[in-house]
Amino acid sequence: MAHSTDYIENGIHIVEVDSRHLEQGLVQAVHLLNQKQHFVILLTHYDDLLKTRHWLDYELLSQLMGVRIGRIEDKEMVLTMPNRYRHARIDSIEGYIHGALEETLHHSPDDTGHSLADRIDKVLTNRWLGFPILIAILYGVFELTFAIGSYPQEWIANGIDNLCEWLSSVLAAGWLSSLFIDGIVRGIGAVLSFVPNILILFILLALMEDSGYMARAAFLMDKIMHAVGLHGRSFIPMLVGFGCNVPAIMAARDIDNIKDRTLTMLMIPFMSCSARLPVYMLFVSAFFPNHKALVMMSLYAIGIVLSILFALVMKRTKWFKQPERDYVSELPQFHKPSFKEIVVHVWDRLWDYLQKIGTVIIWASIVIWALTYFPTHSMDLEHSYLAMIGKWTEPLVQPLGFDWKMSVCLITGLPAKEAIISTMGILYGGDATISAFTPLTAFTFMLFVLLYFPCIATIATLKREAGRRWAWFTVIHSLLLAWVMAFIVYQIGLLF
């Protein structure tokens, strides 16, 4: 996105720079006119900069940069100023601009005249109050998701059970009816029942994004990201990753530095995408009914913390080690959410989820049913092909408290995490969380789902954007990390 424009007026090259994006705009300006001998810079939207409680000493900046700088409101005066400054070629433009802004961009302690929205914004981004407020907002989001969504979720689940009973009474017994009832209807129904919860969560997240609050969350994370050698802008793709990891990885393209860009892409799979939500909601509702929002938040927090620790380690390797760079943080205005934008945003996310149900989940359900139905030509799980696969892999997951059915569920989640729920619907029926799990194994299972192999689409996108070796690296390290973390949590949990 361009943050500066240039044109010629009365023989003078004029560059207009957006005050809301100073660093990017000034860098673009110097790139545009680095070879020109006479030009001036006019700052647009300067009042918006003041609303963020910053002010710019543009006279000092003029001296440091060697070019006339003024506000667009003072255009005539700036154009008639004596040409005291001579632009010099800058060898390291980004570093030079950043250093100049460090000396000239100030934070005003006085908020007199600021609007109510500005004062609220000051509280939301406060170094002491910002994080508690962020945690409280996220807690409220998850609490509302469960409180409101539990009713339609129960209606849909009961409707699916009633539908299966009715179909069983009207369809002749055989493999075709079993495929339709036990495979497709139960498999899709298990995932479909969580659509209301996901819809509510998407709406609440869209409100936070469209109002500008998500940018505040990134601003709060800026110092933490600096601690691992990254910038708050790396947190924006990570936030996108809460919806889907694929567009999040693509969003990281906006990061100029290739090492920072690649590392940000590698951090994104740690984010709990919407595909993992049905798994969380199933277990959280069944085993942690009094602490739903808290447990859900803990999973999101674990993903963020582990991603930061991962970055800290990777920054010390030869592939990502580099001199620390600093940036100027900029915030968009806090504004009233647009109903139209929220509808479009929510529908896009929900449509992606429904498309998965209509494609990947259907095929996964059919495959799981076939492996369950054959070779006995019945739903005899213990003697099915699926049981053979599960029992072969069971020794790998037994130290985590999982049995062969849980192992199979994890395997089917490789192409898409929603398939875990459809597999459970087929394997366990309506008793998925009561007969096989305990609160400890349920939390360990959710932790494993959070950390292990991202979906195939994510790996394919990572391969395209960062290269084959980093895609394979993600596959291997995610599986190892998931196993180790689940093992630690389960074994420690057994002591209590």
Protein backbone atom coordinates (compact mmCIF):
# COMPACT_ATOMS: atom_id res chain seq x y z
CA MET A 1 0.00 0.00 0.00
CA ALA A 2 1.37 3.43 -0.99
CA HIS A 3 1.67 5.94 1.84
CA SER A 4 3.10 8.73 -0.32
CA THR A 5 2.30 10.37 -3.67
CA ASP A 6 4.34 12.74 -5.79
CA TYR A 7 3.58 15.40 -8.40
CA ILE A 8 5.11 18.58 -9.85
CA GLU A 9 3.75 22.07 -9.15
CA ASN A 10 5.41 25.25 -10.40
CA GLY A 11 8.56 23.27 -11.18
CA ILE A 12 8.81 21.88 -7.66
CA HIS A 13 8.57 18.17 -6.96
CA ILE A 14 6.01 17.70 -4.17
CA VAL A 15 5.60 14.50 -2.18
CA GLU A 16 2.56 14.05 0.03
CA VAL A 17 3.21 11.69 2.94
CA ASP A 18 0.46 10.20 5.11
CA SER A 19 1.19 11.21 8.73
CA ARG A 20 -0.55 8.04 9.95
CA HIS A 21 2.17 5.96 8.29
CA LEU A 22 5.20 8.18 8.65
CA GLU A 23 8.05 5.70 8.44
CA GLN A 24 6.69 3.86 5.41
CA GLY A 25 5.67 7.09 3.72
CA LEU A 26 9.03 8.82 4.19
CA VAL A 27 10.92 5.74 2.99
CA GLN A 28 8.73 5.63 -0.12
CA ALA A 29 9.25 9.37 -0.63
CA VAL A 30 13.03 9.09 -0.57
CA HIS A 31 12.92 6.07 -2.88
CA LEU A 32 10.70 8.01 -5.29
CA LEU A 33 12.77 11.16 -5.43
CA ASN A 34 16.21 10.22 -4.23
CA GLN A 35 17.77 11.54 -7.45
CA LYS A 36 15.86 14.84 -7.48
CA GLN A 37 17.61 18.00 -6.38
CA HIS A 38 14.61 20.10 -5.38
CA PHE A 39 11.47 18.77 -3.74
CA VAL A 40 9.38 19.28 -0.63
CA ILE A 41 7.38 16.91 1.58
CA LEU A 42 3.87 17.81 2.69
CA LEU A 43 2.32 15.86 5.58
CA THR A 44 -1.32 14.85 5.16
CA HIS A 45 -3.68 13.67 7.95
CA TYR A 46 -1.53 15.41 10.54
CA ASP A 47 -4.55 15.85 12.83
CA ASP A 48 -4.95 12.08 12.86
CA LEU A 49 -1.35 11.76 14.02
CA LEU A 50 -2.10 14.13 16.88
CA LYS A 51 -5.09 11.97 17.85
CA THR A 52 -2.69 9.09 18.49
CA ARG A 53 -1.01 11.41 21.01
CA HIS A 54 2.09 11.81 18.82
CA TRP A 55 3.48 15.02 17.38
CA LEU A 56 6.27 15.56 14.90
CA ASP A 57 9.01 18.16 15.06
CA TYR A 58 9.02 18.48 11.29
CA GLU A 59 11.37 21.48 11.30
CA LEU A 60 14.07 19.36 12.97
CA LEU A 61 13.17 16.48 10.63
CA SER A 62 13.69 18.88 7.71
CA GLN A 63 17.21 19.59 8.90
CA LEU A 64 18.01 15.92 9.48
CA MET A 65 16.70 14.83 6.09
CA GLY A 66 17.90 17.83 4.15
CA VAL A 67 14.51 18.58 2.59
CA ARG A 68 11.70 21.03 3.27
CA ILE A 69 8.87 19.41 5.27
CA GLY A 70 5.56 20.93 6.33
CA ARG A 71 1.89 20.18 6.79
CA ILE A 72 -0.44 20.12 3.78
CA GLU A 73 -2.43 22.91 5.48
CA ASP A 74 0.69 25.12 5.25
CA LYS A 75 1.40 24.24 1.62
CA GLU A 76 1.74 27.78 0.29
CA MET A 77 4.09 28.78 3.09
CA VAL A 78 6.23 25.68 2.63
CA LEU A 79 6.54 26.22 -1.11
CA THR A 80 7.72 29.81 -0.61
CA MET A 81 10.25 28.98 2.11
CA PRO A 82 13.92 29.65 1.33
CA ASN A 83 15.61 26.53 0.02
CA ARG A 84 17.82 26.05 3.07
CA TYR A 85 18.00 22.30 2.72
CA ARG A 86 19.77 20.23 0.13
CA HIS A 87 18.79 16.61 -0.23
CA ALA A 88 21.70 14.22 0.06
CA ARG A 89 21.80 10.65 -1.14
CA ILE A 90 21.11 8.24 1.73
CA ASP A 91 22.92 4.92 1.66
CA SER A 92 20.63 3.15 4.12
CA ILE A 93 17.26 4.80 3.64
CA GLU A 94 15.21 2.77 6.10
CA GLY A 95 17.76 3.06 8.88
CA TYR A 96 18.23 6.78 8.26
CA ILE A 97 14.49 7.50 8.30
CA HIS A 98 14.00 5.46 11.42
CA GLY A 99 16.82 7.26 13.21
CA ALA A 100 15.42 10.65 12.17
CA LEU A 101 11.97 9.75 13.49
CA GLU A 102 13.46 8.55 16.75
CA GLU A 103 14.62 12.12 17.33
CA THR A 104 11.60 13.96 15.97
CA LEU A 105 8.48 11.88 16.68
CA HIS A 106 7.26 12.58 20.20
CA HIS A 107 4.52 11.25 22.45
CA SER A 108 2.49 14.00 24.04
CA PRO A 109 1.68 13.63 27.77
CA ASP A 110 -1.17 16.10 27.43
CA ASP A 111 -4.50 14.69 26.27
CA THR A 112 -6.41 18.01 26.58
CA GLY A 113 -8.85 18.34 23.74
CA HIS A 114 -8.79 14.68 22.86
CA SER A 115 -12.14 13.02 22.21
CA LEU A 116 -13.71 10.38 24.45
CA ALA A 117 -12.61 7.74 21.91
CA ASP A 118 -9.02 8.99 22.16
CA ARG A 119 -9.09 8.81 25.94
CA ILE A 120 -10.53 5.29 25.84
CA ASP A 121 -7.81 4.39 23.36
CA LYS A 122 -5.21 5.70 25.79
CA VAL A 123 -6.49 3.29 28.44
CA LEU A 124 -6.67 0.33 26.03
CA THR A 125 -3.04 0.76 25.02
CA ASN A 126 -1.74 1.58 28.50
CA ARG A 127 1.33 -0.47 29.40
CA TRP A 128 -0.22 -1.56 32.71
CA LEU A 129 -3.92 -1.74 31.91
CA GLY A 130 -3.75 -2.88 28.27
CA PHE A 131 -3.03 -6.57 28.86
CA PRO A 132 -5.59 -7.09 31.69
CA ILE A 133 -8.21 -5.44 29.47
CA LEU A 134 -7.21 -7.64 26.52
CA ILE A 135 -7.51 -10.77 28.68
CA ALA A 136 -10.89 -9.63 30.01
CA ILE A 137 -12.17 -8.94 26.48
CA LEU A 138 -11.05 -12.36 25.21
CA TYR A 139 -12.57 -14.04 28.26
CA GLY A 140 -15.85 -12.28 27.53
CA VAL A 141 -15.70 -13.33 23.87
CA PHE A 142 -15.29 -17.01 24.73
CA GLU A 143 -17.88 -16.84 27.52
CA LEU A 144 -20.46 -15.38 25.13
CA THR A 145 -19.55 -17.93 22.48
CA PHE A 146 -20.40 -20.79 24.82
CA ALA A 147 -23.31 -19.13 26.62
CA ILE A 148 -25.20 -18.16 23.47
CA GLY A 149 -24.03 -20.95 21.18
CA SER A 150 -24.78 -23.87 23.52
CA TYR A 151 -28.52 -23.74 22.79
CA PRO A 152 -28.48 -23.99 18.98
CA GLN A 153 -25.58 -26.45 19.25
CA GLU A 154 -27.71 -28.75 21.41
CA TRP A 155 -30.68 -28.36 19.07
CA ILE A 156 -28.60 -29.35 16.04
CA ALA A 157 -26.98 -32.30 17.86
CA ASN A 158 -30.38 -33.60 18.99
CA GLY A 159 -31.75 -33.07 15.50
CA ILE A 160 -28.92 -35.15 14.00
CA ASP A 161 -29.57 -37.98 16.50
CA ASN A 162 -33.29 -37.94 15.73
CA LEU A 163 -32.58 -37.89 12.02
CA CYS A 164 -30.29 -40.93 12.32
CA GLU A 165 -32.94 -42.82 14.32
CA TRP A 166 -35.61 -42.01 11.75
CA LEU A 167 -33.39 -42.99 8.82
CA SER A 168 -32.56 -46.28 10.54
CA SER A 169 -36.28 -47.03 10.82
CA VAL A 170 -37.12 -46.30 7.17
CA LEU A 171 -34.03 -47.53 5.33
CA ALA A 172 -33.29 -51.20 4.75
CA ALA A 173 -30.28 -52.49 6.63
CA GLY A 174 -27.13 -52.85 4.55
CA TRP A 175 -23.88 -51.20 3.61
CA LEU A 176 -25.54 -48.35 1.69
CA SER A 177 -27.74 -47.25 4.60
CA SER A 178 -24.79 -47.65 6.98
CA LEU A 179 -22.66 -45.46 4.74
CA PHE A 180 -25.33 -42.78 4.65
CA ILE A 181 -26.32 -42.87 8.33
CA ASP A 182 -23.17 -43.92 10.21
CA GLY A 183 -20.73 -42.32 7.78
CA ILE A 184 -22.06 -39.19 6.10
CA VAL A 185 -24.88 -38.02 8.40
CA ARG A 186 -23.10 -38.68 11.70
CA GLY A 187 -19.74 -37.50 10.37
CA ILE A 188 -21.05 -34.21 8.96
CA GLY A 189 -23.53 -33.75 11.81
CA ALA A 190 -20.77 -33.88 14.42
CA VAL A 191 -19.01 -30.95 12.73
CA LEU A 192 -22.18 -29.09 11.74
CA SER A 193 -23.39 -28.86 15.35
CA PHE A 194 -20.57 -26.41 16.12
CA VAL A 195 -21.50 -23.93 13.38
CA PRO A 196 -23.51 -21.68 15.78
CA ASN A 197 -20.57 -21.38 18.20
CA ILE A 198 -18.16 -20.63 15.39
CA LEU A 199 -20.55 -18.10 13.85
CA ILE A 200 -20.82 -16.23 17.17
CA LEU A 201 -17.05 -16.28 17.64
CA PHE A 202 -16.50 -14.98 14.09
CA ILE A 203 -18.94 -12.11 14.71
CA LEU A 204 -17.25 -11.08 17.96
CA LEU A 205 -13.76 -11.27 16.42
CA ALA A 206 -14.95 -9.29 13.39
CA LEU A 207 -16.26 -6.56 15.74
CA MET A 208 -12.84 -6.40 17.39
CA GLU A 209 -11.04 -6.24 14.04
CA ASP A 210 -13.31 -3.74 12.31
CA SER A 211 -13.33 -1.38 15.29
CA GLY A 212 -9.53 -1.26 15.30
CA TYR A 213 -9.10 -3.10 18.58
CA MET A 214 -7.07 -5.92 17.01
CA ALA A 215 -4.52 -3.30 15.97
CA ARG A 216 -4.34 -2.32 19.65
CA ALA A 217 -3.70 -5.94 20.56
CA ALA A 218 -0.81 -5.96 18.09
CA PHE A 219 0.43 -2.69 19.58
CA LEU A 220 0.42 -4.28 23.06
CA MET A 221 2.35 -7.25 21.71
CA ASP A 222 4.94 -4.96 20.11
CA LYS A 223 7.34 -4.97 23.07
CA ILE A 224 7.07 -8.74 23.46
CA MET A 225 7.74 -9.24 19.76
CA HIS A 226 10.74 -6.90 20.05
CA ALA A 227 12.12 -9.18 22.76
CA VAL A 228 12.45 -11.96 20.18
CA GLY A 229 13.80 -9.63 17.50
CA LEU A 230 10.53 -9.13 15.64
CA HIS A 231 8.11 -6.24 15.30
CA GLY A 232 4.47 -5.88 16.32
CA ARG A 233 3.57 -6.06 12.63
CA SER A 234 4.51 -9.76 12.77
CA PHE A 235 1.65 -10.22 15.20
CA ILE A 236 -0.92 -9.11 12.60
CA PRO A 237 -0.53 -12.29 10.46
CA MET A 238 -0.58 -14.27 13.71
CA LEU A 239 -3.94 -12.70 14.56
CA VAL A 240 -5.19 -13.62 11.09
CA GLY A 241 -4.05 -17.16 11.93
CA PHE A 242 -6.79 -17.40 14.56
CA GLY A 243 -9.19 -17.55 11.62
CA CYS A 244 -7.14 -19.65 9.22
CA ASN A 245 -3.40 -20.31 8.96
CA VAL A 246 -3.40 -20.22 5.13
CA PRO A 247 -4.31 -16.52 4.58
CA ALA A 248 -2.21 -15.68 7.65
CA ILE A 249 0.93 -17.06 6.02
CA MET A 250 0.10 -15.11 2.87
CA ALA A 251 -0.45 -11.95 4.93
CA ALA A 252 3.15 -12.20 6.15
CA ARG A 253 4.25 -11.18 2.63
CA ASP A 254 3.94 -7.56 3.79
CA ILE A 255 7.00 -7.98 6.05
CA ASP A 256 9.96 -6.62 4.07
CA ASN A 257 12.82 -8.40 5.82
CA ILE A 258 13.01 -11.96 4.43
CA LYS A 259 14.28 -13.48 7.68
CA ASP A 260 11.53 -11.84 9.75
CA ARG A 261 8.97 -12.80 7.12
CA THR A 262 10.00 -16.47 7.10
CA LEU A 263 10.14 -16.70 10.88
CA THR A 264 6.69 -15.12 11.18
CA MET A 265 5.34 -17.73 8.77
CA LEU A 266 6.84 -20.50 10.89
CA MET A 267 5.17 -19.06 14.01
CA ILE A 268 1.68 -18.94 12.50
CA PRO A 269 0.86 -22.70 12.82
CA PHE A 270 1.01 -22.25 16.60
CA MET A 271 -2.14 -20.13 16.37
CA SER A 272 -5.45 -21.89 17.09
CA CYS A 273 -7.26 -21.68 13.75
CA SER A 274 -11.04 -22.09 13.43
CA ALA A 275 -10.56 -25.71 12.32
CA ARG A 276 -9.42 -26.59 15.83
CA LEU A 277 -12.38 -24.84 17.48
CA PRO A 278 -14.87 -27.77 17.21
CA VAL A 279 -12.36 -30.02 19.01
CA TYR A 280 -11.88 -27.48 21.79
CA MET A 281 -15.58 -26.80 22.15
CA LEU A 282 -16.46 -30.49 22.34
CA PHE A 283 -14.03 -31.26 25.17
CA VAL A 284 -14.31 -27.95 27.01
CA SER A 285 -18.11 -28.24 27.19
CA ALA A 286 -17.97 -31.86 28.37
CA PHE A 287 -15.13 -31.74 30.89
CA PHE A 288 -14.76 -28.13 31.99
CA PRO A 289 -18.36 -26.82 32.14
CA ASN A 290 -17.56 -24.34 34.92
CA HIS A 291 -14.40 -22.99 33.31
CA LYS A 292 -15.14 -23.06 29.57
CA ALA A 293 -13.79 -19.64 28.67
CA LEU A 294 -10.75 -20.01 30.92
CA VAL A 295 -9.68 -23.35 29.43
CA MET A 296 -10.30 -22.07 25.90
CA MET A 297 -8.19 -18.98 26.60
CA SER A 298 -5.41 -21.15 28.01
CA LEU A 299 -5.12 -23.02 24.70
CA TYR A 300 -4.85 -19.77 22.75
CA ALA A 301 -2.32 -18.44 25.26
CA ILE A 302 -0.23 -21.63 25.12
CA GLY A 303 -0.04 -21.32 21.34
CA ILE A 304 1.10 -17.68 21.53
CA VAL A 305 3.65 -18.31 24.29
CA LEU A 306 5.14 -21.33 22.53
CA SER A 307 5.34 -19.40 19.25
CA ILE A 308 7.31 -16.65 21.00
CA LEU A 309 9.63 -19.16 22.68
CA PHE A 310 10.06 -20.87 19.31
CA ALA A 311 11.02 -17.53 17.73
CA LEU A 312 13.46 -16.83 20.56
CA VAL A 313 15.25 -20.10 19.86
CA MET A 314 15.20 -19.70 16.08
CA LYS A 315 16.56 -16.14 16.30
CA ARG A 316 19.74 -17.60 17.75
CA THR A 317 20.32 -19.93 14.80
CA LYS A 318 22.39 -19.08 11.74
CA TRP A 319 19.27 -18.89 9.57
CA PHE A 320 17.57 -16.07 11.47
CA LYS A 321 20.28 -14.33 13.45
CA GLN A 322 20.60 -10.67 12.47
CA PRO A 323 21.14 -7.24 14.05
CA GLU A 324 18.10 -6.06 15.99
CA ARG A 325 16.00 -3.51 14.17
CA ASP A 326 13.50 -1.10 15.67
CA TYR A 327 10.36 0.39 14.21
CA VAL A 328 7.87 3.17 14.81
CA SER A 329 4.49 1.76 15.84
CA GLU A 330 1.44 3.34 14.27
CA LEU A 331 -2.22 2.87 15.18
CA PRO A 332 -5.28 3.32 12.98
CA GLN A 333 -8.13 5.38 14.36
CA PHE A 334 -10.59 3.68 16.68
CA HIS A 335 -13.91 3.76 14.81
CA LYS A 336 -17.45 2.43 14.77
CA PRO A 337 -17.63 -1.03 13.16
CA SER A 338 -19.34 -1.23 9.80
CA PHE A 339 -22.31 -3.64 9.71
CA LYS A 340 -21.69 -4.39 6.04
CA GLU A 341 -17.98 -5.06 6.57
CA ILE A 342 -18.70 -7.39 9.49
CA VAL A 343 -21.30 -9.34 7.51
CA VAL A 344 -18.91 -9.75 4.58
CA HIS A 345 -16.02 -10.70 6.86
CA VAL A 346 -18.05 -13.23 8.86
CA TRP A 347 -19.63 -14.74 5.77
CA ASP A 348 -16.24 -15.23 4.10
CA ARG A 349 -14.93 -17.13 7.12
CA LEU A 350 -18.13 -19.12 7.62
CA TRP A 351 -18.31 -20.01 3.93
CA ASP A 352 -14.78 -21.42 4.06
CA TYR A 353 -15.82 -23.55 7.03
CA LEU A 354 -18.99 -24.78 5.29
CA GLN A 355 -17.03 -25.58 2.13
CA LYS A 356 -14.74 -27.80 4.17
CA ILE A 357 -17.77 -29.63 5.53
CA GLY A 358 -19.09 -30.11 1.99
CA THR A 359 -15.80 -31.40 0.60
CA VAL A 360 -13.00 -32.55 2.89
CA ILE A 361 -15.24 -33.64 5.78
CA ILE A 362 -17.59 -35.66 3.55
CA TRP A 363 -14.71 -37.57 1.97
CA ALA A 364 -12.99 -38.06 5.31
CA SER A 365 -16.24 -39.39 6.78
CA ILE A 366 -16.68 -41.84 3.90
CA VAL A 367 -13.10 -43.11 4.23
CA ILE A 368 -13.42 -43.53 8.01
CA TRP A 369 -16.73 -45.33 7.60
CA ALA A 370 -15.24 -47.69 5.01
CA LEU A 371 -12.27 -48.51 7.25
CA THR A 372 -14.72 -49.11 10.11
CA TYR A 373 -17.27 -51.17 8.12
CA PHE A 374 -14.83 -53.51 6.41
CA PRO A 375 -13.74 -56.34 6.43
CA THR A 376 -16.55 -57.48 8.76
CA HIS A 377 -19.31 -55.71 6.76
CA SER A 378 -20.61 -54.24 10.02
CA MET A 379 -19.75 -51.45 12.44
CA ASP A 380 -17.61 -53.87 14.44
CA LEU A 381 -14.86 -51.45 15.45
CA GLU A 382 -12.58 -53.93 17.20
CA HIS A 383 -12.12 -56.06 14.07
CA SER A 384 -12.10 -53.30 11.45
CA TYR A 385 -9.30 -52.04 9.25
CA LEU A 386 -9.46 -48.82 11.26
CA ALA A 387 -8.73 -50.76 14.45
CA MET A 388 -5.73 -52.39 12.77
CA ILE A 389 -4.31 -48.98 11.89
CA GLY A 390 -5.11 -47.57 15.31
CA LYS A 391 -3.63 -50.47 17.25
CA TRP A 392 -0.48 -50.35 15.12
CA THR A 393 0.06 -46.68 16.08
CA GLU A 394 -1.28 -47.02 19.65
CA PRO A 395 2.16 -47.62 21.27
CA LEU A 396 3.24 -44.19 20.03
CA VAL A 397 0.43 -42.41 21.87
CA GLN A 398 -0.04 -44.60 24.95
CA PRO A 399 2.47 -42.52 26.98
CA LEU A 400 0.13 -39.57 26.34
CA GLY A 401 -2.88 -41.39 27.77
CA PHE A 402 -4.45 -42.04 24.34
CA ASP A 403 -5.92 -45.29 23.04
CA TRP A 404 -6.11 -46.53 19.46
CA LYS A 405 -9.35 -44.66 18.72
CA MET A 406 -7.79 -41.38 19.77
CA SER A 407 -4.78 -42.20 17.60
CA VAL A 408 -7.06 -42.73 14.61
CA CYS A 409 -8.81 -39.43 15.26
CA LEU A 410 -5.45 -37.63 15.21
CA ILE A 411 -4.48 -39.36 11.95
CA THR A 412 -7.71 -38.30 10.24
CA GLY A 413 -7.08 -34.75 11.42
CA LEU A 414 -4.00 -34.44 9.22
CA PRO A 415 -5.83 -33.15 6.12
CA ALA A 416 -8.24 -30.97 8.17
CA LYS A 417 -8.71 -30.70 11.93
CA GLU A 418 -12.50 -30.72 11.62
CA ALA A 419 -12.22 -34.34 10.48
CA ILE A 420 -11.30 -35.25 14.08
CA ILE A 421 -14.85 -34.43 15.15
CA SER A 422 -16.45 -36.31 12.26
CA THR A 423 -14.28 -39.33 13.09
CA MET A 424 -15.39 -39.16 16.72
CA GLY A 425 -18.99 -38.97 15.58
CA ILE A 426 -18.48 -42.25 13.69
CA LEU A 427 -16.35 -44.04 16.28
CA TYR A 428 -18.10 -42.98 19.48
CA GLY A 429 -21.54 -41.96 18.28
CA GLY A 430 -23.25 -39.66 20.77
CA ASP A 431 -21.00 -40.80 23.63
CA ALA A 432 -17.77 -39.32 22.32
CA THR A 433 -16.53 -37.57 25.41
CA ILE A 434 -17.95 -39.67 28.25
CA SER A 435 -16.74 -43.19 27.66
CA ALA A 436 -13.19 -42.69 26.50
CA PHE A 437 -11.75 -39.53 28.07
CA THR A 438 -10.98 -38.03 31.45
CA PRO A 439 -10.42 -34.30 32.07
CA LEU A 440 -6.66 -34.92 31.94
CA THR A 441 -6.70 -36.88 28.67
CA ALA A 442 -9.18 -34.37 27.23
CA PHE A 443 -6.86 -31.41 27.92
CA THR A 444 -3.81 -33.39 26.72
CA PHE A 445 -5.68 -34.28 23.53
CA MET A 446 -6.60 -30.62 22.90
CA LEU A 447 -2.98 -29.62 23.48
CA PHE A 448 -1.79 -32.19 20.96
CA VAL A 449 -4.37 -30.95 18.41
CA LEU A 450 -3.14 -27.39 18.98
CA LEU A 451 0.49 -28.22 18.27
CA TYR A 452 0.72 -31.13 15.86
CA PHE A 453 0.88 -31.16 12.05
CA PRO A 454 -0.94 -28.17 10.53
CA CYS A 455 -3.47 -29.04 7.84
CA ILE A 456 -2.21 -29.99 4.39
CA ALA A 457 -3.34 -26.64 2.94
CA THR A 458 -1.16 -24.80 5.48
CA ILE A 459 1.87 -26.93 4.68
CA ALA A 460 1.33 -26.41 0.94
CA THR A 461 1.09 -22.64 1.45
CA LEU A 462 4.20 -22.64 3.62
CA LYS A 463 6.07 -24.57 0.95
CA ARG A 464 5.06 -22.04 -1.70
CA GLU A 465 5.83 -18.95 0.40
CA ALA A 466 8.90 -20.03 2.41
CA GLY A 467 10.29 -23.06 0.57
CA ARG A 468 10.26 -26.85 0.78
CA ARG A 469 12.76 -27.20 3.61
CA TRP A 470 10.78 -24.94 5.96
CA ALA A 471 7.56 -26.81 5.14
CA TRP A 472 9.22 -30.13 6.07
CA PHE A 473 10.79 -28.52 9.11
CA THR A 474 7.30 -27.47 10.29
CA VAL A 475 5.92 -30.98 9.76
CA ILE A 476 8.69 -32.59 11.80
CA HIS A 477 9.08 -30.08 14.63
CA SER A 478 5.31 -29.73 15.15
CA LEU A 479 4.86 -33.50 15.57
CA LEU A 480 7.80 -33.74 17.97
CA LEU A 481 6.74 -30.68 19.97
CA ALA A 482 3.13 -31.90 20.23
CA TRP A 483 4.25 -35.30 21.53
CA VAL A 484 6.72 -33.88 24.04
CA MET A 485 4.33 -31.24 25.41
CA ALA A 486 1.44 -33.72 25.66
CA PHE A 487 3.72 -36.23 27.38
CA ILE A 488 4.88 -33.67 29.95
CA VAL A 489 1.35 -32.44 30.72
CA TYR A 490 -0.11 -35.96 30.98
CA GLN A 491 2.67 -37.39 33.14
CA ILE A 492 2.63 -34.39 35.47
CA GLY A 493 -1.17 -34.57 35.60
CA LEU A 494 -0.99 -38.18 36.78
CA LEU A 495 0.82 -37.01 39.93
CA PHE A 496 -2.22 -35.07 41.10
